[in-house]
C-alpha atoms as a PDB file:
ATOM      1  CA  UNK A   1     -19.529 -15.018   2.839  1.00  0.00           C
ATOM      2  CA  UNK A   2     -17.390 -14.509  -0.276  1.00  0.00           C
ATOM      3  CA  UNK A   3     -19.379 -11.301  -1.079  1.00  0.00           C
ATOM      4  CA  UNK A   4     -18.592  -9.938   2.315  1.00  0.00           C
ATOM      5  CA  UNK A   5     -14.804 -10.814   2.011  1.00  0.00           C
ATOM      6  CA  UNK A   6     -14.634  -9.239  -1.541  1.00  0.00           C
ATOM      7  CA  UNK A   7     -16.419  -6.099  -0.203  1.00  0.00           C
ATOM      8  CA  UNK A   8     -13.915  -5.898   2.627  1.00  0.00           C
ATOM      9  CA  UNK A   9     -10.902  -6.122   0.212  1.00  0.00           C
ATOM     10  CA  UNK A  10     -12.365  -3.447  -1.905  1.00  0.00           C
ATOM     11  CA  UNK A  11     -12.796  -1.113   1.058  1.00  0.00           C
ATOM     12  CA  UNK A  12      -9.106  -1.922   2.068  1.00  0.00           C
ATOM     13  CA  UNK A  13      -7.980  -1.173  -1.513  1.00  0.00           C
ATOM     14  CA  UNK A  14      -9.840   2.129  -1.670  1.00  0.00           C
ATOM     15  CA  UNK A  15      -8.559   3.464   1.666  1.00  0.00           C
ATOM     16  CA  UNK A  16      -5.018   2.156   1.473  1.00  0.00           C
ATOM     17  CA  UNK A  17      -2.443   4.880   1.570  1.00  0.00           C
ATOM     18  CA  UNK A  18      -0.214   4.987  -1.463  1.00  0.00           C
ATOM     19  CA  UNK A  19       3.531   5.746  -1.387  1.00  0.00           C
ATOM     20  CA  UNK A  20       6.826   5.650  -3.305  1.00  0.00           C
ATOM     21  CA  UNK A  21       8.969   5.710  -0.135  1.00  0.00           C
ATOM     22  CA  UNK A  22       8.142   4.901   3.481  1.00  0.00           C
ATOM     23  CA  UNK A  23       8.672   8.511   4.476  1.00  0.00           C
ATOM     24  CA  UNK A  24       5.460   9.362   2.551  1.00  0.00           C
ATOM     25  CA  UNK A  25       3.273   7.205   4.792  1.00  0.00           C
ATOM     26  CA  UNK A  26       1.666   9.721   7.141  1.00  0.00           C
ATOM     27  CA  UNK A  27      -1.800   8.258   7.819  1.00  0.00           C
ATOM     28  CA  UNK A  28      -1.055   4.616   8.252  1.00  0.00           C
ATOM     29  CA  UNK A  29      -0.576   3.609  11.878  1.00  0.00           C
ATOM     30  CA  UNK A  30       1.100   0.395  12.922  1.00  0.00           C
ATOM     31  CA  UNK A  31       0.718  -1.465  16.169  1.00  0.00           C
ATOM     32  CA  UNK A  32       3.372  -2.072  18.867  1.00  0.00           C
ATOM     33  CA  UNK A  33       6.461  -3.829  17.466  1.00  0.00           C
ATOM     34  CA  UNK A  34       5.624  -3.134  13.836  1.00  0.00           C
ATOM     35  CA  UNK A  35       7.322  -0.791  11.391  1.00  0.00           C
ATOM     36  CA  UNK A  36       5.795   0.970   8.366  1.00  0.00           C
ATOM     37  CA  UNK A  37       7.253   0.287   4.910  1.00  0.00           C
ATOM     38  CA  UNK A  38       6.224   1.174   1.370  1.00  0.00           C
ATOM     39  CA  UNK A  39       5.606  -2.153  -0.336  1.00  0.00           C
ATOM     40  CA  UNK A  40       4.258  -2.316  -3.924  1.00  0.00           C
ATOM     41  CA  UNK A  41       3.344   1.437  -3.516  1.00  0.00           C
ATOM     42  CA  UNK A  42       1.173   0.784  -0.535  1.00  0.00           C
ATOM     43  CA  UNK A  43       1.978   1.758   3.077  1.00  0.00           C
ATOM     44  CA  UNK A  44       2.202  -1.585   4.856  1.00  0.00           C
ATOM     45  CA  UNK A  45       2.956  -2.488   8.490  1.00  0.00           C
ATOM     46  CA  UNK A  46       5.643  -5.151   8.889  1.00  0.00           C
ATOM     47  CA  UNK A  47       7.011  -7.288  11.690  1.00  0.00           C
ATOM     48  CA  UNK A  48      10.494  -8.846  11.935  1.00  0.00           C
ATOM     49  CA  UNK A  49      10.525 -12.519  10.825  1.00  0.00           C
ATOM     50  CA  UNK A  50      10.736 -15.026  13.744  1.00  0.00           C
ATOM     51  CA  UNK A  51      14.447 -15.680  13.215  1.00  0.00           C
ATOM     52  CA  UNK A  52      15.388 -12.042  12.463  1.00  0.00           C
ATOM     53  CA  UNK A  53      17.469 -13.377   9.533  1.00  0.00           C
ATOM     54  CA  UNK A  54      19.492 -10.971   7.389  1.00  0.00           C
ATOM     55  CA  UNK A  55      18.934 -10.980   3.607  1.00  0.00           C
ATOM     56  CA  UNK A  56      20.161  -9.516   0.397  1.00  0.00           C
ATOM     57  CA  UNK A  57      17.145 -10.821  -1.743  1.00  0.00           C
ATOM     58  CA  UNK A  58      13.700 -12.221  -0.903  1.00  0.00           C
ATOM     59  CA  UNK A  59      15.069 -15.810  -1.698  1.00  0.00           C
ATOM     60  CA  UNK A  60      17.192 -15.459   1.495  1.00  0.00           C
ATOM     61  CA  UNK A  61      14.070 -15.366   3.755  1.00  0.00           C
ATOM     62  CA  UNK A  62      13.205 -18.949   4.567  1.00  0.00           C
ATOM     63  CA  UNK A  63      11.072 -18.450   7.714  1.00  0.00           C
ATOM     64  CA  UNK A  64       7.271 -18.832   7.575  1.00  0.00           C
ATOM     65  CA  UNK A  65       5.160 -15.817   8.071  1.00  0.00           C
ATOM     66  CA  UNK A  66       2.099 -16.522  10.141  1.00  0.00           C
ATOM     67  CA  UNK A  67      -1.467 -16.333   8.858  1.00  0.00           C
ATOM     68  CA  UNK A  68      -0.406 -16.344   5.156  1.00  0.00           C
ATOM     69  CA  UNK A  69       1.445 -13.082   5.468  1.00  0.00           C
ATOM     70  CA  UNK A  70       4.132 -12.312   2.846  1.00  0.00           C
ATOM     71  CA  UNK A  71       7.917 -12.187   3.276  1.00  0.00           C
ATOM     72  CA  UNK A  72       9.936  -9.181   2.218  1.00  0.00           C
ATOM     73  CA  UNK A  73      13.602  -8.335   2.382  1.00  0.00           C
ATOM     74  CA  UNK A  74      13.658  -4.807   3.731  1.00  0.00           C
ATOM     75  CA  UNK A  75      16.852  -2.934   4.667  1.00  0.00           C
ATOM     76  CA  UNK A  76      18.810  -6.274   4.767  1.00  0.00           C
ATOM     77  CA  UNK A  77      16.323  -8.052   7.166  1.00  0.00           C
ATOM     78  CA  UNK A  78      13.501 -10.567   6.544  1.00  0.00           C
ATOM     79  CA  UNK A  79      10.114  -9.007   7.473  1.00  0.00           C
ATOM     80  CA  UNK A  80       6.569 -10.215   7.244  1.00  0.00           C
ATOM     81  CA  UNK A  81       3.535  -8.092   6.397  1.00  0.00           C
ATOM     82  CA  UNK A  82       1.471  -7.351   9.390  1.00  0.00           C
ATOM     83  CA  UNK A  83      -2.294  -6.451   9.170  1.00  0.00           C
END
């Protein structure tokens, strides 16, 4: 099982669209309700955090993201990565 998981991560890493700004993300498609952002030079779909809290830094985001997703403070709003 671990081998399959590692292989899946490798495939995602190889096919991930890279970026410096979210405007450069042309091939990544997000589902309904998600927005695309450039996070750590990778085009990533994000969803608003459950409270829709505003933020200045990541430490301002106190909600929990579901399924182990990560918090990010983007354009003044707490968002969770969405896969």
